[in-house]
N, C-alpha and C. Protein backbone atom coordinates (compact mmCIF):
# COMPACT_ATOMS: atom_id res chain seq x y z
N UNK A 1 24.62 16.84 -20.06
CA UNK A 1 25.71 16.14 -20.17
C UNK A 1 26.63 17.48 -20.39
N UNK A 2 27.61 17.56 -19.41
CA UNK A 2 28.44 18.92 -19.45
C UNK A 2 29.37 19.06 -20.65
N UNK A 3 29.82 17.95 -21.20
CA UNK A 3 30.84 17.77 -22.37
C UNK A 3 30.40 17.80 -23.68
N UNK A 4 29.06 17.92 -23.67
CA UNK A 4 28.49 17.79 -25.07
C UNK A 4 28.30 19.06 -25.95
N UNK A 5 28.88 19.27 -26.99
CA UNK A 5 29.00 20.32 -27.81
C UNK A 5 27.67 20.74 -28.23
N UNK A 6 26.94 21.97 -28.29
CA UNK A 6 25.86 22.30 -28.95
C UNK A 6 26.21 23.40 -29.91
N UNK A 7 25.89 23.26 -31.26
CA UNK A 7 26.17 24.41 -32.00
C UNK A 7 25.55 25.57 -31.83
N UNK A 8 26.09 26.78 -32.13
CA UNK A 8 25.54 28.09 -32.05
C UNK A 8 23.95 28.20 -32.76
N UNK A 9 23.90 27.53 -33.70
CA UNK A 9 22.47 27.83 -34.38
C UNK A 9 21.48 26.94 -33.74
N UNK A 10 21.85 26.24 -32.86
CA UNK A 10 20.71 25.02 -32.32
C UNK A 10 19.58 25.86 -31.83
N UNK A 11 18.32 25.56 -31.97
CA UNK A 11 17.17 26.44 -31.44
C UNK A 11 15.92 25.52 -31.10
N UNK A 12 16.13 24.27 -31.27
CA UNK A 12 14.88 23.29 -30.79
C UNK A 12 15.42 21.87 -30.88
N UNK A 13 15.02 21.12 -29.94
CA UNK A 13 15.08 19.75 -29.58
C UNK A 13 14.17 19.12 -29.51
N UNK A 14 14.02 17.89 -30.12
CA UNK A 14 12.72 16.92 -29.67
C UNK A 14 13.27 15.83 -28.97
N UNK A 15 13.01 15.38 -27.73
CA UNK A 15 13.37 14.57 -27.12
C UNK A 15 12.39 12.96 -26.94
N UNK A 16 12.85 12.50 -27.99
CA UNK A 16 11.95 11.20 -28.32
C UNK A 16 12.40 10.00 -27.55
N UNK A 17 13.63 10.14 -27.11
CA UNK A 17 14.13 9.09 -25.96
C UNK A 17 13.02 8.95 -24.70
N UNK A 18 12.77 10.09 -24.26
CA UNK A 18 11.90 10.09 -23.05
C UNK A 18 10.56 9.17 -23.11
N UNK A 19 10.08 9.17 -24.33
CA UNK A 19 8.79 8.22 -24.67
C UNK A 19 9.35 6.79 -24.73
N UNK A 20 10.50 6.77 -25.64
CA UNK A 20 10.82 5.33 -25.75
C UNK A 20 11.39 4.45 -24.61
N UNK A 21 11.97 5.37 -23.73
CA UNK A 21 12.47 4.76 -22.13
C UNK A 21 12.03 5.47 -21.05
N UNK A 22 10.56 5.22 -20.76
CA UNK A 22 9.81 5.82 -19.71
C UNK A 22 10.81 5.11 -18.21
N UNK A 23 10.33 5.84 -17.14
CA UNK A 23 10.95 5.24 -15.98
C UNK A 23 10.77 4.16 -15.70
N UNK A 24 9.66 3.37 -15.83
CA UNK A 24 9.73 2.17 -15.50
C UNK A 24 10.38 1.11 -16.45
N UNK A 25 10.90 1.70 -17.30
CA UNK A 25 11.75 0.80 -18.49
C UNK A 25 12.81 1.56 -19.05
N UNK A 26 13.72 1.69 -18.15
CA UNK A 26 14.93 2.85 -18.32
C UNK A 26 15.87 2.35 -19.23
N UNK A 27 16.62 3.34 -19.88
CA UNK A 27 17.53 2.84 -20.92
C UNK A 27 18.94 1.83 -20.07
N UNK A 28 19.12 0.99 -20.81
CA UNK A 28 20.03 -0.15 -20.11
C UNK A 28 21.39 0.21 -20.93
N UNK A 29 22.43 0.50 -20.04
CA UNK A 29 23.80 0.43 -20.65
C UNK A 29 24.53 -0.94 -20.22
N UNK A 30 24.88 -1.42 -21.30
CA UNK A 30 25.29 -2.80 -21.21
C UNK A 30 25.78 -3.27 -22.69
N UNK A 31 25.28 -2.80 -23.73
CA UNK A 31 25.87 -3.58 -25.00
C UNK A 31 27.02 -2.49 -25.74
N UNK A 32 28.30 -2.84 -25.74
CA UNK A 32 29.26 -1.93 -26.07
C UNK A 32 29.06 -1.35 -27.32
N UNK A 33 29.13 -0.11 -27.49
CA UNK A 33 29.11 0.38 -28.69
C UNK A 33 30.43 1.48 -29.07
N UNK A 34 30.76 1.68 -30.38
CA UNK A 34 31.72 2.55 -30.22
C UNK A 34 31.64 3.34 -31.85
N UNK A 35 32.34 4.41 -31.76
CA UNK A 35 32.74 5.17 -33.08
C UNK A 35 34.06 5.70 -33.24
N UNK A 36 34.22 5.90 -34.29
CA UNK A 36 35.63 6.58 -34.65
C UNK A 36 35.67 7.66 -35.60
N UNK A 37 36.17 8.75 -35.23
CA UNK A 37 36.13 9.88 -36.20
C UNK A 37 37.43 9.98 -36.81
N UNK A 38 37.42 9.67 -38.05
CA UNK A 38 38.45 9.93 -39.01
C UNK A 38 38.64 11.20 -39.59
N UNK A 39 40.08 11.54 -39.86
CA UNK A 39 40.51 12.81 -40.34
C UNK A 39 39.82 13.11 -41.79
N UNK A 40 39.30 14.23 -42.10
CA UNK A 40 38.55 14.46 -43.43
C UNK A 40 39.45 14.12 -44.51
N UNK A 41 40.79 14.12 -44.56
CA UNK A 41 41.75 14.01 -45.53
C UNK A 41 42.24 12.55 -45.62
N UNK A 42 41.71 11.84 -44.98
CA UNK A 42 42.00 10.27 -45.35
C UNK A 42 41.06 9.85 -46.37
N UNK A 43 41.68 8.71 -47.13
CA UNK A 43 40.87 8.34 -48.23
C UNK A 43 39.88 7.44 -47.78
N UNK A 44 38.60 7.13 -48.32
CA UNK A 44 37.75 6.06 -47.90
C UNK A 44 38.29 4.56 -48.15
N UNK A 45 37.78 3.83 -47.48
CA UNK A 45 37.99 2.41 -47.77
C UNK A 45 37.34 2.14 -48.79
N UNK A 46 36.04 2.42 -49.00
CA UNK A 46 35.33 1.98 -50.29
C UNK A 46 34.87 3.32 -50.76
N UNK A 47 34.46 3.19 -52.34
CA UNK A 47 34.22 4.33 -53.19
C UNK A 47 32.81 4.72 -52.68
N UNK A 48 32.45 5.95 -52.55
CA UNK A 48 31.27 6.47 -52.03
C UNK A 48 31.04 7.68 -52.99
N UNK A 49 29.90 7.29 -53.56
CA UNK A 49 29.29 8.36 -54.72
C UNK A 49 28.10 9.47 -54.02
N UNK A 50 28.00 9.45 -52.69
CA UNK A 50 27.15 10.21 -52.18
C UNK A 50 27.38 11.63 -52.34
N UNK A 51 26.26 12.53 -52.74
CA UNK A 51 26.49 13.98 -52.83
C UNK A 51 26.36 14.54 -51.44
N UNK A 52 27.59 15.19 -50.99
CA UNK A 52 27.21 15.65 -49.52
C UNK A 52 26.38 17.16 -49.46
N UNK A 53 26.48 17.92 -50.48
CA UNK A 53 25.77 19.25 -50.56
C UNK A 53 24.96 19.03 -51.80
N UNK A 54 23.54 18.44 -51.97
CA UNK A 54 22.59 18.52 -53.03
C UNK A 54 22.45 19.75 -53.48
N UNK A 55 22.10 20.21 -54.50
CA UNK A 55 21.77 21.34 -55.08
C UNK A 55 20.36 21.73 -54.62
N UNK A 56 19.44 20.85 -54.14
CA UNK A 56 18.05 21.13 -53.93
C UNK A 56 17.98 21.15 -52.54
N UNK A 57 18.94 21.01 -51.65
CA UNK A 57 18.91 21.09 -50.13
C UNK A 57 18.11 22.04 -49.61
N UNK A 58 17.09 21.94 -48.85
CA UNK A 58 16.48 22.91 -47.92
C UNK A 58 17.07 23.12 -46.53
N UNK A 59 17.98 24.09 -46.27
CA UNK A 59 18.46 24.42 -44.86
C UNK A 59 17.51 24.76 -43.83
N UNK A 60 16.34 24.98 -44.18
CA UNK A 60 15.35 25.36 -43.21
C UNK A 60 14.80 24.03 -42.31
N UNK A 61 15.10 23.07 -42.74
CA UNK A 61 14.63 21.89 -42.04
C UNK A 61 15.74 21.06 -42.11
N UNK A 62 16.22 20.48 -40.96
CA UNK A 62 17.38 19.67 -40.78
C UNK A 62 17.21 18.88 -39.59
N UNK A 63 17.98 17.67 -39.50
CA UNK A 63 17.88 16.90 -38.25
C UNK A 63 19.16 16.54 -37.82
N UNK A 64 19.44 16.40 -36.59
CA UNK A 64 20.94 16.28 -36.39
C UNK A 64 20.68 14.77 -35.44
N UNK A 65 21.45 13.92 -35.57
CA UNK A 65 21.70 12.64 -34.93
C UNK A 65 22.98 12.57 -34.06
N UNK A 66 22.58 12.04 -32.78
CA UNK A 66 23.38 11.86 -31.63
C UNK A 66 23.91 10.48 -31.55
N UNK A 67 25.12 10.12 -31.40
CA UNK A 67 25.59 9.17 -31.45
C UNK A 67 26.22 8.88 -29.85
N UNK A 68 25.92 7.74 -29.41
CA UNK A 68 26.40 7.22 -28.12
C UNK A 68 27.53 6.15 -28.21
N UNK A 69 28.56 6.46 -27.57
CA UNK A 69 29.60 5.39 -27.35
C UNK A 69 29.74 4.99 -25.97
N UNK A 70 29.79 3.64 -25.68
CA UNK A 70 29.86 3.31 -24.30
C UNK A 70 30.92 1.90 -24.19
N UNK A 71 31.45 1.60 -23.04
CA UNK A 71 32.03 0.31 -22.92
C UNK A 71 30.89 -0.92 -22.67
N UNK A 72 31.32 -2.08 -22.66
CA UNK A 72 30.48 -2.84 -22.14
C UNK A 72 30.11 -2.72 -20.74
N UNK A 73 29.18 -3.35 -20.19
CA UNK A 73 28.50 -3.11 -18.68
C UNK A 73 30.05 -3.50 -17.64
N UNK A 74 30.37 -4.73 -17.98
CA UNK A 74 31.66 -5.16 -17.31
C UNK A 74 32.82 -4.32 -17.30
N UNK A 75 33.14 -3.64 -18.50
CA UNK A 75 34.12 -2.72 -18.48
C UNK A 75 33.98 -1.47 -17.82
N UNK A 76 32.76 -1.07 -18.18
CA UNK A 76 32.13 0.22 -17.38
C UNK A 76 32.47 0.11 -15.77
N UNK A 77 31.88 -0.97 -15.15
CA UNK A 77 32.07 -1.07 -13.70
C UNK A 77 33.58 -1.48 -13.23
N UNK A 78 34.38 -2.06 -14.21
CA UNK A 78 35.71 -2.34 -13.90
C UNK A 78 36.70 -0.87 -13.86
N UNK A 79 36.04 0.09 -14.81
CA UNK A 79 37.27 1.18 -14.99
C UNK A 79 36.59 2.24 -14.05
N UNK A 80 35.38 2.15 -13.40
CA UNK A 80 34.67 3.16 -12.68
C UNK A 80 34.60 3.09 -11.25
N UNK A 81 34.32 1.69 -10.82
CA UNK A 81 34.21 1.38 -9.61
C UNK A 81 35.26 0.20 -9.01
N UNK A 82 35.52 0.31 -7.55
CA UNK A 82 36.40 -0.49 -6.99
C UNK A 82 35.85 -1.96 -6.89
N UNK A 83 36.51 -2.93 -7.58
CA UNK A 83 36.05 -4.22 -7.32
C UNK A 83 36.92 -4.92 -6.10
N UNK A 84 36.31 -5.81 -5.39
CA UNK A 84 37.00 -6.47 -4.12
C UNK A 84 38.33 -7.06 -4.40
N UNK A 85 38.25 -7.60 -5.82
CA UNK A 85 39.79 -8.26 -6.31
C UNK A 85 40.79 -7.27 -6.80
N UNK A 86 40.44 -6.08 -7.15
CA UNK A 86 41.17 -5.05 -7.50
C UNK A 86 42.43 -4.66 -6.77
N UNK A 87 43.53 -4.51 -7.07
CA UNK A 87 44.79 -3.97 -6.32
C UNK A 87 44.59 -2.44 -6.01
N UNK A 88 45.10 -2.09 -5.08
CA UNK A 88 44.93 -0.82 -4.53
C UNK A 88 45.62 0.38 -5.39
N UNK A 89 46.46 0.06 -6.42
CA UNK A 89 47.19 0.92 -7.50
C UNK A 89 46.26 1.13 -8.58
N UNK A 90 45.27 -0.01 -8.87
CA UNK A 90 44.25 0.18 -9.72
C UNK A 90 43.25 1.33 -9.52
N UNK A 91 43.16 1.41 -8.40
CA UNK A 91 41.97 2.48 -7.97
C UNK A 91 42.40 4.00 -8.32
N UNK A 92 43.59 3.96 -8.51
CA UNK A 92 44.10 5.34 -9.08
C UNK A 92 43.73 5.97 -10.40
N UNK A 93 43.48 4.84 -11.24
CA UNK A 93 43.08 5.17 -12.66
C UNK A 93 41.72 5.26 -12.82
N UNK A 94 40.98 5.22 -11.64
CA UNK A 94 39.36 5.15 -12.15
C UNK A 94 38.86 6.43 -12.68
N UNK A 95 37.71 6.20 -13.71
CA UNK A 95 36.95 7.35 -14.30
C UNK A 95 35.84 7.35 -13.91
N UNK A 96 35.48 8.68 -14.09
CA UNK A 96 33.79 8.82 -13.92
C UNK A 96 33.23 8.14 -15.03
N UNK A 97 31.80 8.00 -14.77
CA UNK A 97 31.00 7.15 -15.62
C UNK A 97 30.89 8.10 -16.99
N UNK A 98 30.69 9.36 -16.48
CA UNK A 98 30.65 10.08 -17.50
C UNK A 98 31.66 10.55 -18.54
N UNK A 99 32.79 10.03 -17.90
CA UNK A 99 34.05 10.35 -19.21
C UNK A 99 33.97 8.99 -20.05
N UNK A 100 33.48 7.95 -19.63
CA UNK A 100 33.25 6.69 -20.39
C UNK A 100 32.11 6.61 -21.18
N UNK A 101 31.38 7.40 -21.25
CA UNK A 101 29.98 7.21 -22.14
C UNK A 101 30.43 8.63 -22.77
N UNK A 102 30.27 8.42 -24.27
CA UNK A 102 30.84 9.76 -25.09
C UNK A 102 29.51 10.08 -26.20
N UNK A 103 29.45 11.14 -26.31
CA UNK A 103 28.28 11.77 -27.21
C UNK A 103 29.02 12.13 -28.56
N UNK A 104 28.22 12.01 -29.74
CA UNK A 104 28.76 12.86 -30.81
C UNK A 104 27.68 13.45 -31.36
N UNK A 105 27.29 14.74 -31.86
CA UNK A 105 26.26 15.15 -32.54
C UNK A 105 26.76 15.48 -34.03
């Protein structure tokens, strides 16, 4: 994925999704999901007492999670493909599917 940020201290990745989604049972895009990144200065909606940097943290081992956001299958096709009923001016606003599917590490 050409637009995904990879941190400079990255050294190993374990791709579990290749076992979870083999070629005969490919990953299905069609269930919409989204995330929103809030500015760190925004007050939380609910009180959160989580310790973000615990004193006993061991930074030798860490795991990163990659979030994926994508529109519904209908919206994905509508925004990236020409449909017969679409007007010609709509075709000028098409986006490549890689711009519609977003990742956050």
